[in-house]
Amino acid sequence: MTSSNGSKKWIMNAFAMSSPGHVAAGLWRHPENRSQQYNDIDYWIDLAKILEEGKFHGLFIADMLGIYDVYKGPENIDPVLPGAAQFPISDPLLERSRR
């Protein structure tokens, strides 16, 4: 994508992951965090409005079908649970709108 003066335009996409935290462990404790409202359509509407105001082009929602259990052996969830890191929180079959 190129602008009229020949310079390239940025394409900005946001990233959301279906877990309490992605690579920033503990961010779920930030006072302005609302990710616990993932099952409320108003949370997603508000996020869309913020992204639109910021001129973002899209939102990628990464799903998680299960825990990352490769540390200390398969099916070992003990290292994951205390930090709630990359642990799936949403049901991919959850209805999209509750209104």
N, C-alpha and C. Protein backbone atom coordinates (compact mmCIF):
# COMPACT_ATOMS: atom_id res chain seq x y z
N MET A 1 0.85 -1.17 0.00
CA MET A 1 0.00 0.00 0.00
C MET A 1 0.89 1.23 0.00
N THR A 2 0.67 2.13 -0.92
CA THR A 2 1.50 3.33 -1.07
C THR A 2 0.61 4.57 -1.08
N SER A 3 1.08 5.62 -0.43
CA SER A 3 0.31 6.87 -0.40
C SER A 3 0.57 7.66 -1.67
N SER A 4 -0.11 8.80 -1.80
CA SER A 4 0.02 9.62 -3.01
C SER A 4 1.42 10.22 -3.16
N ASN A 5 2.15 10.38 -2.06
CA ASN A 5 3.50 10.94 -2.16
C ASN A 5 4.57 9.84 -2.31
N GLY A 6 4.15 8.59 -2.48
CA GLY A 6 5.08 7.50 -2.72
C GLY A 6 5.58 6.78 -1.48
N SER A 7 5.24 7.29 -0.30
CA SER A 7 5.70 6.61 0.91
C SER A 7 4.74 5.47 1.25
N LYS A 8 5.27 4.47 1.91
CA LYS A 8 4.45 3.32 2.29
C LYS A 8 3.60 3.64 3.51
N LYS A 9 2.37 3.12 3.51
CA LYS A 9 1.48 3.29 4.66
C LYS A 9 1.62 2.09 5.57
N TRP A 10 1.48 2.33 6.84
CA TRP A 10 1.49 1.24 7.81
C TRP A 10 0.11 0.57 7.86
N ILE A 11 0.12 -0.72 8.02
CA ILE A 11 -1.12 -1.45 8.27
C ILE A 11 -1.00 -1.97 9.71
N MET A 12 -1.87 -1.48 10.58
CA MET A 12 -1.79 -1.81 12.00
C MET A 12 -2.88 -2.82 12.37
N ASN A 13 -2.47 -3.90 12.98
CA ASN A 13 -3.40 -4.91 13.49
C ASN A 13 -3.16 -5.11 14.97
N ALA A 14 -4.21 -5.31 15.72
CA ALA A 14 -4.11 -5.60 17.15
C ALA A 14 -4.14 -7.12 17.34
N PHE A 15 -3.72 -7.55 18.51
CA PHE A 15 -3.63 -8.97 18.83
C PHE A 15 -4.30 -9.23 20.17
N ALA A 16 -5.21 -10.17 20.22
CA ALA A 16 -5.84 -10.59 21.47
C ALA A 16 -5.71 -12.10 21.55
N MET A 17 -5.44 -12.60 22.73
CA MET A 17 -5.29 -14.04 22.90
C MET A 17 -6.28 -14.54 23.93
N SER A 18 -6.82 -15.68 23.70
CA SER A 18 -7.84 -16.25 24.57
C SER A 18 -7.22 -16.87 25.82
N SER A 19 -6.51 -16.03 26.57
CA SER A 19 -5.87 -16.48 27.81
C SER A 19 -5.67 -15.26 28.72
N PRO A 20 -5.47 -15.48 30.02
CA PRO A 20 -5.24 -14.35 30.93
C PRO A 20 -3.98 -13.56 30.59
N GLY A 21 -2.99 -14.20 30.03
CA GLY A 21 -1.76 -13.52 29.67
C GLY A 21 -1.09 -14.22 28.50
N HIS A 22 -0.39 -13.44 27.71
CA HIS A 22 0.32 -14.04 26.58
C HIS A 22 1.79 -14.15 26.95
N VAL A 23 2.58 -13.16 26.61
CA VAL A 23 4.00 -13.20 26.97
C VAL A 23 4.32 -12.20 28.07
N ALA A 24 3.36 -11.43 28.51
CA ALA A 24 3.56 -10.46 29.58
C ALA A 24 2.86 -10.99 30.83
N ALA A 25 3.51 -11.93 31.49
CA ALA A 25 2.90 -12.55 32.67
C ALA A 25 2.58 -11.50 33.73
N GLY A 26 1.42 -11.61 34.32
CA GLY A 26 1.01 -10.69 35.37
C GLY A 26 0.27 -9.47 34.88
N LEU A 27 0.20 -9.26 33.56
CA LEU A 27 -0.49 -8.09 33.04
C LEU A 27 -1.98 -8.11 33.40
N TRP A 28 -2.52 -9.27 33.64
CA TRP A 28 -3.93 -9.39 34.01
C TRP A 28 -4.21 -8.65 35.32
N ARG A 29 -3.18 -8.33 36.09
CA ARG A 29 -3.36 -7.61 37.36
C ARG A 29 -3.35 -6.10 37.18
N HIS A 30 -3.09 -5.60 35.98
CA HIS A 30 -3.06 -4.16 35.74
C HIS A 30 -4.42 -3.57 36.07
N PRO A 31 -4.47 -2.42 36.75
CA PRO A 31 -5.76 -1.85 37.17
C PRO A 31 -6.73 -1.54 36.03
N GLU A 32 -6.23 -1.31 34.83
CA GLU A 32 -7.11 -1.01 33.71
C GLU A 32 -7.41 -2.23 32.84
N ASN A 33 -6.93 -3.38 33.23
CA ASN A 33 -7.19 -4.60 32.47
C ASN A 33 -8.66 -4.99 32.55
N ARG A 34 -9.23 -5.34 31.42
CA ARG A 34 -10.63 -5.78 31.39
C ARG A 34 -10.76 -7.14 30.73
N SER A 35 -9.66 -7.84 30.53
CA SER A 35 -9.71 -9.09 29.78
C SER A 35 -10.57 -10.16 30.45
N GLN A 36 -10.84 -10.02 31.74
CA GLN A 36 -11.71 -10.98 32.41
C GLN A 36 -13.15 -10.85 31.92
N GLN A 37 -13.44 -9.81 31.16
CA GLN A 37 -14.78 -9.60 30.62
C GLN A 37 -14.90 -10.16 29.20
N TYR A 38 -14.03 -11.11 28.86
CA TYR A 38 -13.99 -11.66 27.50
C TYR A 38 -15.32 -12.24 27.04
N ASN A 39 -16.17 -12.65 27.98
CA ASN A 39 -17.45 -13.25 27.59
C ASN A 39 -18.59 -12.22 27.56
N ASP A 40 -18.25 -10.95 27.61
CA ASP A 40 -19.23 -9.87 27.55
C ASP A 40 -19.06 -9.14 26.22
N ILE A 41 -20.09 -9.09 25.43
CA ILE A 41 -20.01 -8.47 24.10
C ILE A 41 -19.60 -7.01 24.18
N ASP A 42 -19.95 -6.33 25.28
CA ASP A 42 -19.58 -4.92 25.44
C ASP A 42 -18.06 -4.73 25.52
N TYR A 43 -17.37 -5.70 26.08
CA TYR A 43 -15.90 -5.66 26.12
C TYR A 43 -15.34 -5.59 24.70
N TRP A 44 -15.85 -6.44 23.82
CA TRP A 44 -15.37 -6.49 22.44
C TRP A 44 -15.79 -5.26 21.65
N ILE A 45 -16.98 -4.74 21.93
CA ILE A 45 -17.43 -3.51 21.27
C ILE A 45 -16.53 -2.35 21.68
N ASP A 46 -16.23 -2.24 22.98
CA ASP A 46 -15.35 -1.17 23.45
C ASP A 46 -13.96 -1.30 22.85
N LEU A 47 -13.45 -2.52 22.78
CA LEU A 47 -12.13 -2.73 22.17
C LEU A 47 -12.15 -2.33 20.69
N ALA A 48 -13.20 -2.68 19.99
CA ALA A 48 -13.32 -2.30 18.58
C ALA A 48 -13.35 -0.78 18.41
N LYS A 49 -14.04 -0.09 19.29
CA LYS A 49 -14.10 1.38 19.22
C LYS A 49 -12.73 1.99 19.47
N ILE A 50 -12.00 1.45 20.44
CA ILE A 50 -10.64 1.95 20.74
C ILE A 50 -9.73 1.75 19.53
N LEU A 51 -9.81 0.55 18.94
CA LEU A 51 -8.97 0.26 17.78
C LEU A 51 -9.35 1.12 16.58
N GLU A 52 -10.64 1.34 16.40
CA GLU A 52 -11.08 2.18 15.28
C GLU A 52 -10.59 3.61 15.46
N GLU A 53 -10.68 4.12 16.68
CA GLU A 53 -10.20 5.47 16.96
C GLU A 53 -8.69 5.58 16.72
N GLY A 54 -7.97 4.50 17.01
CA GLY A 54 -6.54 4.47 16.79
C GLY A 54 -6.14 4.15 15.36
N LYS A 55 -7.12 4.04 14.46
CA LYS A 55 -6.89 3.78 13.04
C LYS A 55 -6.28 2.40 12.76
N PHE A 56 -6.58 1.43 13.63
CA PHE A 56 -6.13 0.06 13.38
C PHE A 56 -6.95 -0.53 12.24
N HIS A 57 -6.34 -1.45 11.51
CA HIS A 57 -7.00 -2.07 10.37
C HIS A 57 -7.72 -3.37 10.75
N GLY A 58 -7.28 -4.01 11.82
CA GLY A 58 -7.89 -5.29 12.16
C GLY A 58 -7.51 -5.75 13.55
N LEU A 59 -8.16 -6.81 13.97
CA LEU A 59 -7.90 -7.45 15.26
C LEU A 59 -7.78 -8.95 15.01
N PHE A 60 -6.64 -9.51 15.39
CA PHE A 60 -6.43 -10.94 15.30
C PHE A 60 -6.72 -11.54 16.67
N ILE A 61 -7.65 -12.47 16.74
CA ILE A 61 -7.98 -13.13 18.00
C ILE A 61 -7.42 -14.55 17.93
N ALA A 62 -6.36 -14.77 18.68
CA ALA A 62 -5.71 -16.08 18.69
C ALA A 62 -6.47 -17.00 19.64
N ASP A 63 -6.76 -18.17 19.16
CA ASP A 63 -7.46 -19.13 20.02
C ASP A 63 -6.45 -20.07 20.67
N MET A 64 -6.87 -20.70 21.71
CA MET A 64 -6.07 -21.71 22.39
C MET A 64 -6.98 -22.89 22.65
N LEU A 65 -6.59 -24.02 22.17
CA LEU A 65 -7.42 -25.20 22.34
C LEU A 65 -7.05 -25.99 23.59
N GLY A 66 -5.92 -25.69 24.15
CA GLY A 66 -5.48 -26.40 25.35
C GLY A 66 -4.27 -25.72 25.95
N ILE A 67 -3.82 -26.24 27.08
CA ILE A 67 -2.68 -25.65 27.76
C ILE A 67 -1.38 -26.00 27.05
N TYR A 68 -0.37 -25.20 27.28
CA TYR A 68 0.97 -25.50 26.78
C TYR A 68 1.62 -26.40 27.81
N ASP A 69 1.66 -27.67 27.53
CA ASP A 69 2.11 -28.65 28.53
C ASP A 69 3.45 -29.28 28.17
N VAL A 70 4.29 -28.55 27.47
CA VAL A 70 5.56 -29.15 27.05
C VAL A 70 6.66 -29.03 28.11
N TYR A 71 6.50 -28.10 29.04
CA TYR A 71 7.51 -27.93 30.09
C TYR A 71 7.31 -29.01 31.16
N LYS A 72 8.32 -29.73 31.47
CA LYS A 72 8.30 -30.81 32.46
C LYS A 72 7.41 -31.97 32.03
N GLY A 73 7.26 -32.17 30.75
CA GLY A 73 6.57 -33.36 30.25
C GLY A 73 5.15 -33.12 29.82
N PRO A 74 4.66 -33.97 28.91
CA PRO A 74 3.30 -33.85 28.40
C PRO A 74 2.26 -34.00 29.51
N GLU A 75 1.16 -33.28 29.34
CA GLU A 75 0.02 -33.32 30.25
C GLU A 75 0.35 -32.85 31.66
N ASN A 76 1.43 -32.07 31.81
CA ASN A 76 1.79 -31.52 33.11
C ASN A 76 1.34 -30.06 33.16
N ILE A 77 0.24 -29.80 33.84
CA ILE A 77 -0.28 -28.43 33.90
C ILE A 77 0.22 -27.67 35.11
N ASP A 78 0.94 -28.32 36.00
CA ASP A 78 1.39 -27.66 37.23
C ASP A 78 2.21 -26.39 37.00
N PRO A 79 3.14 -26.34 36.02
CA PRO A 79 3.89 -25.10 35.81
C PRO A 79 3.04 -23.96 35.24
N VAL A 80 1.95 -24.29 34.58
CA VAL A 80 1.13 -23.28 33.92
C VAL A 80 0.14 -22.62 34.88
N LEU A 81 -0.44 -23.38 35.75
CA LEU A 81 -1.53 -22.88 36.59
C LEU A 81 -1.18 -21.70 37.50
N PRO A 82 -0.06 -21.72 38.23
CA PRO A 82 0.20 -20.60 39.16
C PRO A 82 0.27 -19.23 38.48
N GLY A 83 0.81 -19.16 37.28
CA GLY A 83 0.92 -17.88 36.59
C GLY A 83 -0.21 -17.60 35.64
N ALA A 84 -1.09 -18.56 35.45
CA ALA A 84 -2.21 -18.43 34.51
C ALA A 84 -1.70 -17.96 33.15
N ALA A 85 -0.53 -18.41 32.78
CA ALA A 85 0.08 -17.99 31.52
C ALA A 85 -0.35 -18.89 30.39
N GLN A 86 -0.88 -18.30 29.37
CA GLN A 86 -1.29 -19.00 28.17
C GLN A 86 -2.15 -20.22 28.50
N PHE A 87 -3.14 -19.99 29.30
CA PHE A 87 -4.10 -21.01 29.69
C PHE A 87 -5.44 -20.62 29.08
N PRO A 88 -6.08 -21.48 28.31
CA PRO A 88 -7.31 -21.08 27.61
C PRO A 88 -8.44 -20.71 28.58
N ILE A 89 -9.12 -19.61 28.26
CA ILE A 89 -10.21 -19.17 29.14
C ILE A 89 -11.56 -19.12 28.44
N SER A 90 -11.57 -19.15 27.13
CA SER A 90 -12.85 -19.01 26.45
C SER A 90 -13.20 -20.27 25.68
N ASP A 91 -14.46 -20.47 25.55
CA ASP A 91 -14.97 -21.60 24.80
C ASP A 91 -15.17 -21.15 23.35
N PRO A 92 -14.50 -21.79 22.39
CA PRO A 92 -14.65 -21.35 21.00
C PRO A 92 -16.07 -21.49 20.47
N LEU A 93 -16.91 -22.23 21.16
CA LEU A 93 -18.28 -22.40 20.72
C LEU A 93 -19.26 -21.46 21.42
N LEU A 94 -18.72 -20.57 22.28
CA LEU A 94 -19.56 -19.61 22.99
C LEU A 94 -20.30 -18.73 21.99
N GLU A 95 -21.56 -18.51 22.26
CA GLU A 95 -22.31 -17.67 21.33
C GLU A 95 -21.68 -16.29 21.24
N ARG A 96 -21.72 -15.70 20.05
CA ARG A 96 -21.04 -14.43 19.81
C ARG A 96 -21.79 -13.25 20.41
N SER A 97 -23.06 -13.32 20.56
CA SER A 97 -23.80 -12.21 21.11
C SER A 97 -24.85 -12.73 22.09
N ARG A 98 -24.92 -12.06 23.22
CA ARG A 98 -25.91 -12.47 24.23
C ARG A 98 -27.05 -11.48 24.30
N ARG A 99 -27.15 -10.63 23.32
CA ARG A 99 -28.23 -9.63 23.32
C ARG A 99 -29.43 -10.15 22.59
